[in-house]
Amino acid sequence: MLAMYTWWYIENVSPVKVTKTFDGAAWMEEDPTFAPPVHLSLDGYYDKRNAQFKGAVKINGQVYDNCFLVNGSGHRYEGANLIRLGASYFDAEMVRIAWSIPQSELPPELTHPKFPDAEIWLISPASSGEEASNLRQELVDCYFAKLKLK
């Protein structure tokens, strides 16, 4: 019985080590044709029960340590300072992700000079702006549908 509980706890409660790589596209509402490629890497711990990731995120080679992604939001710590990184939405297995980030936090190739104040969505898997937009909307809808059920 103890072995079964231990297995259940590890599978369903305790955070698990995650090392994932995503290829996708950037997208923004202000310019739907904007869709440069995005390469995301996650290295940290994922708590499936609470839909939380803690660890390092790499975006097109730029590393962000001490990130904290909770389905619905994203932050990182710089010392004692908490820096908001925008909304993040992902599925239960963290295979599909949509994350809005202020351009000031992104590598230059993911910024848009005509709309410097707009947030950029990093979406995976996606290879075009249309795919990115559709997946973003699907993940957002799923997130809010789950909130209504609680």
C-alpha atoms as a PDB file:
ATOM      1  CA  MET A   1       0.000   0.000   0.000  1.00  0.00           C
ATOM      2  CA  LEU A   2       2.815   2.415   0.889  1.00  0.00           C
ATOM      3  CA  ALA A   3       4.495   1.760  -2.464  1.00  0.00           C
ATOM      4  CA  MET A   4       1.253   2.518  -4.294  1.00  0.00           C
ATOM      5  CA  TYR A   5       0.771   5.767  -2.372  1.00  0.00           C
ATOM      6  CA  THR A   6       4.382   6.768  -3.022  1.00  0.00           C
ATOM      7  CA  TRP A   7       3.950   6.138  -6.751  1.00  0.00           C
ATOM      8  CA  TRP A   8       0.653   8.085  -6.788  1.00  0.00           C
ATOM      9  CA  TYR A   9       2.240  10.976  -4.876  1.00  0.00           C
ATOM     10  CA  ILE A  10       5.205  11.195  -7.224  1.00  0.00           C
ATOM     11  CA  GLU A  11       2.984  11.041 -10.323  1.00  0.00           C
ATOM     12  CA  ASN A  12       0.260  13.394  -9.148  1.00  0.00           C
ATOM     13  CA  VAL A  13       1.491  15.696  -6.403  1.00  0.00           C
ATOM     14  CA  SER A  14       5.210  16.249  -6.284  1.00  0.00           C
ATOM     15  CA  PRO A  15       6.870  18.537  -8.826  1.00  0.00           C
ATOM     16  CA  VAL A  16       8.832  16.713 -11.519  1.00  0.00           C
ATOM     17  CA  LYS A  17      12.029  17.740 -13.240  1.00  0.00           C
ATOM     18  CA  VAL A  18      11.274  19.195 -16.670  1.00  0.00           C
ATOM     19  CA  THR A  19      13.664  19.838 -19.510  1.00  0.00           C
ATOM     20  CA  LYS A  20      11.654  20.737 -22.612  1.00  0.00           C
ATOM     21  CA  THR A  21      12.301  22.485 -25.879  1.00  0.00           C
ATOM     22  CA  PHE A  22       9.592  24.142 -27.958  1.00  0.00           C
ATOM     23  CA  ASP A  23       9.713  25.523 -31.477  1.00  0.00           C
ATOM     24  CA  GLY A  24       7.009  27.977 -32.370  1.00  0.00           C
ATOM     25  CA  ALA A  25       6.231  31.462 -33.553  1.00  0.00           C
ATOM     26  CA  ALA A  26       5.872  34.910 -32.055  1.00  0.00           C
ATOM     27  CA  TRP A  27       2.572  36.698 -32.653  1.00  0.00           C
ATOM     28  CA  MET A  28       0.928  40.003 -31.808  1.00  0.00           C
ATOM     29  CA  GLU A  29      -2.615  41.296 -32.168  1.00  0.00           C
ATOM     30  CA  GLU A  30      -1.428  44.636 -33.554  1.00  0.00           C
ATOM     31  CA  ASP A  31       0.262  42.974 -36.570  1.00  0.00           C
ATOM     32  CA  PRO A  32      -1.010  39.464 -37.360  1.00  0.00           C
ATOM     33  CA  THR A  33       1.607  39.099 -40.124  1.00  0.00           C
ATOM     34  CA  PHE A  34       4.403  39.311 -37.512  1.00  0.00           C
ATOM     35  CA  ALA A  35       5.495  35.702 -36.917  1.00  0.00           C
ATOM     36  CA  PRO A  36       9.263  35.268 -36.400  1.00  0.00           C
ATOM     37  CA  PRO A  37      10.381  31.817 -35.246  1.00  0.00           C
ATOM     38  CA  VAL A  38      10.745  31.217 -31.503  1.00  0.00           C
ATOM     39  CA  HIS A  39      12.850  28.620 -29.751  1.00  0.00           C
ATOM     40  CA  LEU A  40      11.884  28.113 -26.075  1.00  0.00           C
ATOM     41  CA  SER A  41      13.606  25.877 -23.544  1.00  0.00           C
ATOM     42  CA  LEU A  42      12.418  25.112 -20.021  1.00  0.00           C
ATOM     43  CA  ASP A  43      14.696  23.691 -17.342  1.00  0.00           C
ATOM     44  CA  GLY A  44      13.169  23.389 -13.897  1.00  0.00           C
ATOM     45  CA  TYR A  45      10.327  21.744 -12.020  1.00  0.00           C
ATOM     46  CA  TYR A  46       6.701  21.356 -13.034  1.00  0.00           C
ATOM     47  CA  ASP A  47       3.909  20.873 -10.520  1.00  0.00           C
ATOM     48  CA  LYS A  48       1.105  19.400 -12.620  1.00  0.00           C
ATOM     49  CA  ARG A  49      -1.471  19.526  -9.822  1.00  0.00           C
ATOM     50  CA  ASN A  50      -1.092  23.298  -9.429  1.00  0.00           C
ATOM     51  CA  ALA A  51      -0.109  23.956 -13.073  1.00  0.00           C
ATOM     52  CA  GLN A  52       3.135  25.690 -12.043  1.00  0.00           C
ATOM     53  CA  PHE A  53       6.623  25.727 -13.525  1.00  0.00           C
ATOM     54  CA  LYS A  54       9.658  27.056 -11.632  1.00  0.00           C
ATOM     55  CA  GLY A  55      13.067  27.323 -13.223  1.00  0.00           C
ATOM     56  CA  ALA A  56      15.058  28.745 -16.096  1.00  0.00           C
ATOM     57  CA  VAL A  57      13.544  29.678 -19.445  1.00  0.00           C
ATOM     58  CA  LYS A  58      15.603  30.275 -22.564  1.00  0.00           C
ATOM     59  CA  ILE A  59      14.031  32.337 -25.361  1.00  0.00           C
ATOM     60  CA  ASN A  60      16.018  32.328 -28.616  1.00  0.00           C
ATOM     61  CA  GLY A  61      19.213  31.861 -26.628  1.00  0.00           C
ATOM     62  CA  GLN A  62      18.529  34.491 -23.949  1.00  0.00           C
ATOM     63  CA  VAL A  63      18.312  32.902 -20.477  1.00  0.00           C
ATOM     64  CA  TYR A  64      15.823  34.046 -17.834  1.00  0.00           C
ATOM     65  CA  ASP A  65      16.572  32.501 -14.453  1.00  0.00           C
ATOM     66  CA  ASN A  66      14.111  32.196 -11.573  1.00  0.00           C
ATOM     67  CA  CYS A  67      10.976  32.149 -13.711  1.00  0.00           C
ATOM     68  CA  PHE A  68       7.655  31.206 -12.229  1.00  0.00           C
ATOM     69  CA  LEU A  69       4.911  30.299 -14.695  1.00  0.00           C
ATOM     70  CA  VAL A  70       1.461  29.563 -13.384  1.00  0.00           C
ATOM     71  CA  ASN A  71      -1.301  28.838 -15.843  1.00  0.00           C
ATOM     72  CA  GLY A  72      -2.711  32.348 -16.267  1.00  0.00           C
ATOM     73  CA  SER A  73       0.414  34.377 -15.337  1.00  0.00           C
ATOM     74  CA  GLY A  74       4.190  34.506 -15.592  1.00  0.00           C
ATOM     75  CA  HIS A  75       6.888  36.180 -13.465  1.00  0.00           C
ATOM     76  CA  ARG A  76      10.595  36.083 -12.794  1.00  0.00           C
ATOM     77  CA  TYR A  77      12.693  37.198  -9.871  1.00  0.00           C
ATOM     78  CA  GLU A  78      15.741  39.439 -10.039  1.00  0.00           C
ATOM     79  CA  GLY A  79      17.020  39.357  -6.502  1.00  0.00           C
ATOM     80  CA  ALA A  80      14.099  40.505  -4.368  1.00  0.00           C
ATOM     81  CA  ASN A  81      12.301  42.122  -7.327  1.00  0.00           C
ATOM     82  CA  LEU A  82       9.377  40.378  -8.969  1.00  0.00           C
ATOM     83  CA  ILE A  83       9.144  41.167 -12.697  1.00  0.00           C
ATOM     84  CA  ARG A  84       5.851  40.508 -14.481  1.00  0.00           C
ATOM     85  CA  LEU A  85       6.300  38.619 -17.724  1.00  0.00           C
ATOM     86  CA  GLY A  86       2.691  38.519 -18.853  1.00  0.00           C
ATOM     87  CA  ALA A  87       0.051  35.839 -19.081  1.00  0.00           C
ATOM     88  CA  SER A  88       1.035  32.241 -19.763  1.00  0.00           C
ATOM     89  CA  TYR A  89      -1.327  29.471 -20.786  1.00  0.00           C
ATOM     90  CA  PHE A  90      -0.380  25.840 -21.275  1.00  0.00           C
ATOM     91  CA  ASP A  91      -1.945  22.402 -21.371  1.00  0.00           C
ATOM     92  CA  ALA A  92      -1.698  19.899 -18.502  1.00  0.00           C
ATOM     93  CA  GLU A  93       1.386  18.183 -19.945  1.00  0.00           C
ATOM     94  CA  MET A  94       3.099  21.470 -20.880  1.00  0.00           C
ATOM     95  CA  VAL A  95       3.318  20.411 -24.519  1.00  0.00           C
ATOM     96  CA  ARG A  96       1.494  23.462 -25.889  1.00  0.00           C
ATOM     97  CA  ILE A  97       2.209  26.931 -24.556  1.00  0.00           C
ATOM     98  CA  ALA A  98       1.169  30.532 -25.208  1.00  0.00           C
ATOM     99  CA  TRP A  99       2.956  33.262 -23.274  1.00  0.00           C
ATOM    100  CA  SER A 100       2.687  37.041 -23.650  1.00  0.00           C
ATOM    101  CA  ILE A 101       5.816  38.980 -22.767  1.00  0.00           C
ATOM    102  CA  PRO A 102       6.634  42.712 -22.844  1.00  0.00           C
ATOM    103  CA  GLN A 103       9.023  43.496 -25.692  1.00  0.00           C
ATOM    104  CA  SER A 104      11.488  45.040 -23.249  1.00  0.00           C
ATOM    105  CA  GLU A 105      12.121  41.529 -21.889  1.00  0.00           C
ATOM    106  CA  LEU A 106      12.687  39.860 -25.281  1.00  0.00           C
ATOM    107  CA  PRO A 107      15.674  39.390 -27.578  1.00  0.00           C
ATOM    108  CA  PRO A 108      15.742  42.036 -30.377  1.00  0.00           C
ATOM    109  CA  GLU A 109      14.667  39.622 -33.128  1.00  0.00           C
ATOM    110  CA  LEU A 110      11.326  39.149 -31.342  1.00  0.00           C
ATOM    111  CA  THR A 111      10.486  42.850 -31.053  1.00  0.00           C
ATOM    112  CA  HIS A 112       8.386  44.953 -33.402  1.00  0.00           C
ATOM    113  CA  PRO A 113       9.613  48.547 -34.004  1.00  0.00           C
ATOM    114  CA  LYS A 114       6.193  49.884 -35.078  1.00  0.00           C
ATOM    115  CA  PHE A 115       4.505  48.689 -31.872  1.00  0.00           C
ATOM    116  CA  PRO A 116       7.141  48.941 -29.110  1.00  0.00           C
ATOM    117  CA  ASP A 117       4.593  48.910 -26.271  1.00  0.00           C
ATOM    118  CA  ALA A 118       2.685  45.847 -27.472  1.00  0.00           C
ATOM    119  CA  GLU A 119       3.151  42.482 -25.806  1.00  0.00           C
ATOM    120  CA  ILE A 120       4.454  39.663 -27.967  1.00  0.00           C
ATOM    121  CA  TRP A 121       2.921  36.205 -27.680  1.00  0.00           C
ATOM    122  CA  LEU A 122       5.351  33.273 -27.835  1.00  0.00           C
ATOM    123  CA  ILE A 123       3.342  30.269 -28.991  1.00  0.00           C
ATOM    124  CA  SER A 124       4.312  26.658 -29.563  1.00  0.00           C
ATOM    125  CA  PRO A 125       3.825  24.557 -31.534  1.00  0.00           C
ATOM    126  CA  ALA A 126       3.134  26.986 -34.370  1.00  0.00           C
ATOM    127  CA  SER A 127       4.818  27.756 -37.651  1.00  0.00           C
ATOM    128  CA  SER A 128       2.718  30.720 -38.776  1.00  0.00           C
ATOM    129  CA  GLY A 129       0.887  33.687 -37.330  1.00  0.00           C
ATOM    130  CA  GLU A 130      -2.464  32.050 -38.051  1.00  0.00           C
ATOM    131  CA  GLU A 131      -1.518  28.817 -36.251  1.00  0.00           C
ATOM    132  CA  ALA A 132      -0.140  30.848 -33.348  1.00  0.00           C
ATOM    133  CA  SER A 133      -3.284  32.943 -33.063  1.00  0.00           C
ATOM    134  CA  ASN A 134      -5.553  29.882 -33.145  1.00  0.00           C
ATOM    135  CA  LEU A 135      -3.532  27.959 -30.536  1.00  0.00           C
ATOM    136  CA  ARG A 136      -3.337  30.994 -28.262  1.00  0.00           C
ATOM    137  CA  GLN A 137      -7.104  31.374 -28.373  1.00  0.00           C
ATOM    138  CA  GLU A 138      -7.636  27.654 -27.735  1.00  0.00           C
ATOM    139  CA  LEU A 139      -5.367  27.656 -24.666  1.00  0.00           C
ATOM    140  CA  VAL A 140      -6.945  30.845 -23.282  1.00  0.00           C
ATOM    141  CA  ASP A 141     -10.447  29.406 -23.790  1.00  0.00           C
ATOM    142  CA  CYS A 142      -9.470  26.155 -22.029  1.00  0.00           C
ATOM    143  CA  TYR A 143      -8.017  28.081 -19.098  1.00  0.00           C
ATOM    144  CA  PHE A 144     -11.132  30.183 -18.586  1.00  0.00           C
ATOM    145  CA  ALA A 145     -13.445  27.195 -19.108  1.00  0.00           C
ATOM    146  CA  LYS A 146     -11.657  25.392 -16.242  1.00  0.00           C
ATOM    147  CA  LEU A 147     -12.049  28.455 -14.008  1.00  0.00           C
ATOM    148  CA  LYS A 148     -15.803  28.405 -14.556  1.00  0.00           C
ATOM    149  CA  LEU A 149     -15.958  24.769 -13.473  1.00  0.00           C
ATOM    150  CA  LYS A 150     -14.311  25.432 -10.106  1.00  0.00           C
END
